[in-house]
N, C-alpha and C. Protein backbone atom coordinates (compact mmCIF):
# COMPACT_ATOMS: atom_id res chain seq x y z
N MET A 1 12.13 -0.94 2.96
CA MET A 1 10.87 -0.26 2.68
C MET A 1 11.09 0.90 3.64
N GLU A 2 11.75 0.94 4.83
CA GLU A 2 11.86 1.93 5.85
C GLU A 2 12.51 2.96 5.00
N ALA A 3 13.69 2.70 4.63
CA ALA A 3 14.42 4.06 3.71
C ALA A 3 13.59 4.52 2.88
N LEU A 4 12.87 3.67 2.15
CA LEU A 4 11.96 4.57 0.94
C LEU A 4 10.67 5.41 1.68
N ALA A 5 10.41 4.84 2.65
CA ALA A 5 9.50 5.55 3.37
C ALA A 5 9.84 7.04 4.12
N LEU A 6 11.15 6.53 4.87
CA LEU A 6 11.96 8.08 5.22
C LEU A 6 12.38 8.98 4.11
N HIS A 7 13.03 8.60 3.31
CA HIS A 7 13.63 9.61 2.51
C HIS A 7 13.07 10.02 0.96
N HIS A 8 11.67 9.26 0.87
CA HIS A 8 11.14 9.59 -0.69
C HIS A 8 9.65 9.89 -0.50
N HIS A 9 9.34 11.00 -0.05
CA HIS A 9 8.02 11.59 0.31
C HIS A 9 7.23 11.76 -0.84
N ASN A 10 8.09 12.04 -2.16
CA ASN A 10 7.24 12.50 -3.29
C ASN A 10 6.90 11.70 -4.54
N ILE A 11 7.11 10.41 -4.24
CA ILE A 11 6.92 9.12 -4.77
C ILE A 11 5.20 9.47 -5.36
N GLU A 12 4.90 9.02 -6.67
CA GLU A 12 3.57 9.14 -6.96
C GLU A 12 3.32 7.35 -7.32
N GLU A 13 4.24 6.64 -8.02
CA GLU A 13 3.96 5.26 -7.91
C GLU A 13 4.81 4.87 -7.34
N VAL A 14 4.41 3.26 -6.92
CA VAL A 14 5.11 2.29 -6.42
C VAL A 14 4.44 0.78 -6.60
N ASP A 15 5.39 -0.18 -7.03
CA ASP A 15 4.71 -1.27 -7.28
C ASP A 15 5.78 -2.41 -6.77
N LEU A 16 4.95 -3.19 -5.83
CA LEU A 16 5.30 -4.14 -4.80
C LEU A 16 5.35 -5.22 -4.70
N MET A 17 4.25 -5.51 -6.19
CA MET A 17 4.04 -6.84 -6.57
C MET A 17 4.80 -7.84 -6.41
N PHE A 18 4.35 -9.18 -5.80
CA PHE A 18 4.75 -10.22 -5.27
C PHE A 18 6.22 -10.08 -4.35
N CYS A 19 5.86 -9.08 -3.45
CA CYS A 19 6.91 -8.63 -2.46
C CYS A 19 6.17 -9.52 -1.23
N TRP A 20 6.63 -10.65 -1.16
CA TRP A 20 5.68 -11.56 -0.27
C TRP A 20 6.31 -11.46 1.23
N ARG A 21 7.33 -10.99 1.53
CA ARG A 21 7.63 -10.71 3.05
C ARG A 21 7.05 -9.37 3.52
N LEU A 22 6.31 -8.42 2.87
CA LEU A 22 5.86 -7.63 3.54
C LEU A 22 4.76 -7.84 4.17
N ASN A 23 4.22 -6.80 5.14
CA ASN A 23 3.27 -7.08 5.54
C ASN A 23 2.31 -5.72 6.11
N ASP A 24 1.27 -5.71 6.77
CA ASP A 24 0.57 -4.57 7.06
C ASP A 24 1.51 -3.23 7.64
N SER A 25 2.14 -3.66 8.61
CA SER A 25 2.71 -2.24 9.25
C SER A 25 3.93 -1.62 8.14
N CYS A 26 4.85 -2.67 7.64
CA CYS A 26 5.69 -2.26 6.44
C CYS A 26 4.74 -1.47 5.31
N VAL A 27 3.93 -1.66 4.62
CA VAL A 27 3.41 -1.28 3.99
C VAL A 27 2.62 0.18 4.41
N SER A 28 2.00 0.18 5.50
CA SER A 28 1.08 1.02 6.13
C SER A 28 2.07 2.35 6.29
N ASN A 29 3.32 2.00 6.91
CA ASN A 29 4.19 2.94 7.09
C ASN A 29 4.37 3.56 6.01
N LEU A 30 4.59 2.85 4.57
CA LEU A 30 5.14 3.63 3.48
C LEU A 30 3.70 4.48 3.03
N MET A 31 2.71 3.86 2.88
CA MET A 31 1.43 4.87 2.44
C MET A 31 1.37 6.09 3.41
N ARG A 32 1.69 6.18 4.65
CA ARG A 32 1.35 7.22 5.56
C ARG A 32 2.79 8.26 5.52
N SER A 33 3.90 7.77 4.71
CA SER A 33 4.66 8.81 4.52
C SER A 33 4.61 9.23 3.00
N CYS A 34 4.26 8.48 2.19
CA CYS A 34 3.72 8.87 0.78
C CYS A 34 2.73 9.20 0.22
N CYS A 35 2.08 10.44 0.72
CA CYS A 35 0.76 11.07 0.58
C CYS A 35 0.74 11.22 -0.99
N ARG A 36 1.53 11.44 -1.70
CA ARG A 36 1.23 12.02 -3.16
C ARG A 36 1.01 10.71 -4.19
N LEU A 37 0.97 9.41 -3.40
CA LEU A 37 0.89 8.53 -4.60
C LEU A 37 -0.29 8.54 -5.40
N ARG A 38 -0.24 8.19 -6.30
CA ARG A 38 -1.31 7.99 -7.46
C ARG A 38 -1.57 6.74 -7.93
N LEU A 39 -0.48 5.82 -8.24
CA LEU A 39 -0.47 4.48 -8.56
C LEU A 39 -0.06 3.60 -7.65
N VAL A 40 -0.59 2.50 -7.24
CA VAL A 40 -0.22 1.59 -5.98
C VAL A 40 -0.39 0.02 -6.30
N ASN A 41 0.53 -0.43 -6.33
CA ASN A 41 0.30 -2.04 -6.93
C ASN A 41 0.74 -2.93 -5.79
N LEU A 42 -0.15 -3.86 -5.17
CA LEU A 42 0.24 -4.32 -4.16
C LEU A 42 -0.51 -5.75 -4.35
N SER A 43 -0.11 -6.19 -5.67
CA SER A 43 -0.98 -7.42 -5.99
C SER A 43 -0.13 -8.45 -5.56
N PHE A 44 -0.70 -9.79 -5.04
CA PHE A 44 -0.07 -10.54 -4.57
C PHE A 44 0.97 -10.97 -3.31
N ILE A 45 0.36 -9.24 -2.56
CA ILE A 45 1.22 -9.64 -1.31
C ILE A 45 0.22 -10.26 -0.18
N PHE A 46 0.55 -11.49 0.25
CA PHE A 46 -0.55 -12.35 0.85
C PHE A 46 -1.04 -12.24 2.02
N ALA A 47 0.25 -11.10 2.58
CA ALA A 47 -0.20 -10.95 4.24
C ALA A 47 -0.93 -9.75 4.46
N LEU A 48 -1.36 -8.91 3.19
CA LEU A 48 -1.98 -7.63 3.75
C LEU A 48 -3.52 -7.90 3.87
N THR A 49 -4.00 -7.07 4.92
CA THR A 49 -5.45 -7.18 5.51
C THR A 49 -6.16 -5.76 5.11
N ASP A 50 -7.30 -5.72 5.86
CA ASP A 50 -8.27 -4.71 5.65
C ASP A 50 -7.21 -3.48 6.21
N ILE A 51 -6.36 -3.78 7.40
CA ILE A 51 -5.31 -2.45 8.08
C ILE A 51 -5.02 -1.64 7.08
N THR A 52 -4.34 -2.44 6.12
CA THR A 52 -3.76 -1.31 5.05
C THR A 52 -4.67 -0.84 4.09
N MET A 53 -5.62 -1.22 4.03
CA MET A 53 -6.73 -0.84 3.11
C MET A 53 -7.18 0.38 3.79
N ILE A 54 -7.55 0.50 5.00
CA ILE A 54 -8.14 1.71 5.81
C ILE A 54 -6.53 2.63 5.91
N VAL A 55 -5.17 2.54 6.15
CA VAL A 55 -4.48 3.37 5.91
C VAL A 55 -4.39 3.95 4.33
N ILE A 56 -4.72 3.07 3.73
CA ILE A 56 -4.72 3.74 1.89
C ILE A 56 -5.71 4.68 1.67
N GLY A 57 -6.92 4.85 2.43
CA GLY A 57 -7.72 5.29 2.13
C GLY A 57 -7.91 6.67 3.21
N GLU A 58 -7.16 6.40 4.35
CA GLU A 58 -7.00 7.77 5.05
C GLU A 58 -6.02 8.88 4.64
N CYS A 59 -4.81 8.14 3.79
CA CYS A 59 -3.44 8.75 3.53
C CYS A 59 -3.08 9.11 2.26
N CYS A 60 -4.10 8.23 1.24
CA CYS A 60 -3.69 8.36 -0.08
C CYS A 60 -4.80 8.93 -0.83
N LYS A 61 -4.87 10.60 -0.67
CA LYS A 61 -6.22 11.01 -1.16
C LYS A 61 -6.09 11.30 -2.67
N LEU A 62 -4.89 11.31 -3.47
CA LEU A 62 -4.34 11.77 -4.67
C LEU A 62 -4.43 10.21 -5.43
N LEU A 63 -4.73 9.27 -4.74
CA LEU A 63 -4.89 7.55 -5.73
C LEU A 63 -5.90 7.66 -6.71
N GLU A 64 -5.18 7.01 -7.90
CA GLU A 64 -5.99 6.91 -8.99
C GLU A 64 -6.34 5.60 -9.30
N HIS A 65 -5.12 4.73 -8.84
CA HIS A 65 -5.12 3.39 -9.09
C HIS A 65 -4.57 2.45 -8.03
N LEU A 66 -5.37 1.20 -7.84
CA LEU A 66 -5.04 0.52 -6.38
C LEU A 66 -5.05 -0.92 -7.00
N ASN A 67 -3.90 -1.83 -6.96
CA ASN A 67 -4.17 -3.20 -7.59
C ASN A 67 -3.79 -4.22 -6.48
N ILE A 68 -4.73 -4.80 -5.78
CA ILE A 68 -4.70 -5.69 -4.78
C ILE A 68 -4.87 -6.96 -5.26
N LYS A 69 -4.87 -7.28 -6.54
CA LYS A 69 -5.21 -8.77 -6.87
C LYS A 69 -4.32 -9.81 -6.56
N GLY A 70 -5.19 -10.72 -5.98
CA GLY A 70 -4.12 -11.85 -5.45
C GLY A 70 -4.23 -11.82 -3.71
N CYS A 71 -4.53 -10.72 -3.10
CA CYS A 71 -4.53 -10.25 -1.75
C CYS A 71 -5.72 -10.76 -0.92
N TRP A 72 -5.87 -12.08 -1.11
CA TRP A 72 -6.93 -12.71 -0.31
C TRP A 72 -7.52 -12.23 1.11
N ARG A 73 -6.37 -11.73 1.78
CA ARG A 73 -6.73 -11.48 3.04
C ARG A 73 -7.77 -10.16 3.58
N VAL A 74 -7.77 -9.62 2.18
CA VAL A 74 -8.42 -8.18 2.39
C VAL A 74 -9.99 -8.61 2.03
N THR A 75 -10.69 -8.21 2.72
CA THR A 75 -12.33 -8.34 2.73
C THR A 75 -13.15 -7.13 2.06
N ASP A 76 -14.36 -7.57 1.88
CA ASP A 76 -15.33 -6.44 1.37
C ASP A 76 -15.10 -5.36 2.11
N ARG A 77 -14.87 -5.36 3.48
CA ARG A 77 -14.93 -4.18 4.45
C ARG A 77 -13.89 -3.56 4.09
N GLY A 78 -12.51 -3.76 3.85
CA GLY A 78 -11.31 -3.01 3.71
C GLY A 78 -11.39 -2.48 2.27
N ILE A 79 -12.51 -3.01 1.45
CA ILE A 79 -12.14 -2.32 -0.03
C ILE A 79 -13.40 -1.18 0.16
């Protein structure tokens, strides 16, 4: 993930579904460095919280589709 965040700033789609070892810090770093993301699938990454949702809202201004199905730690506040 670190290499992806450091070297691929122009990606527009990322599918991390079922990547259970990821957490807020890891995903947030990717979102901060890939501001051109339009489609993001984070479904069933159980460690994600509202922190990641805040970073996505701040950094991914071109976002068209976000899938967070099964991310049960994300609350209404994060959405």
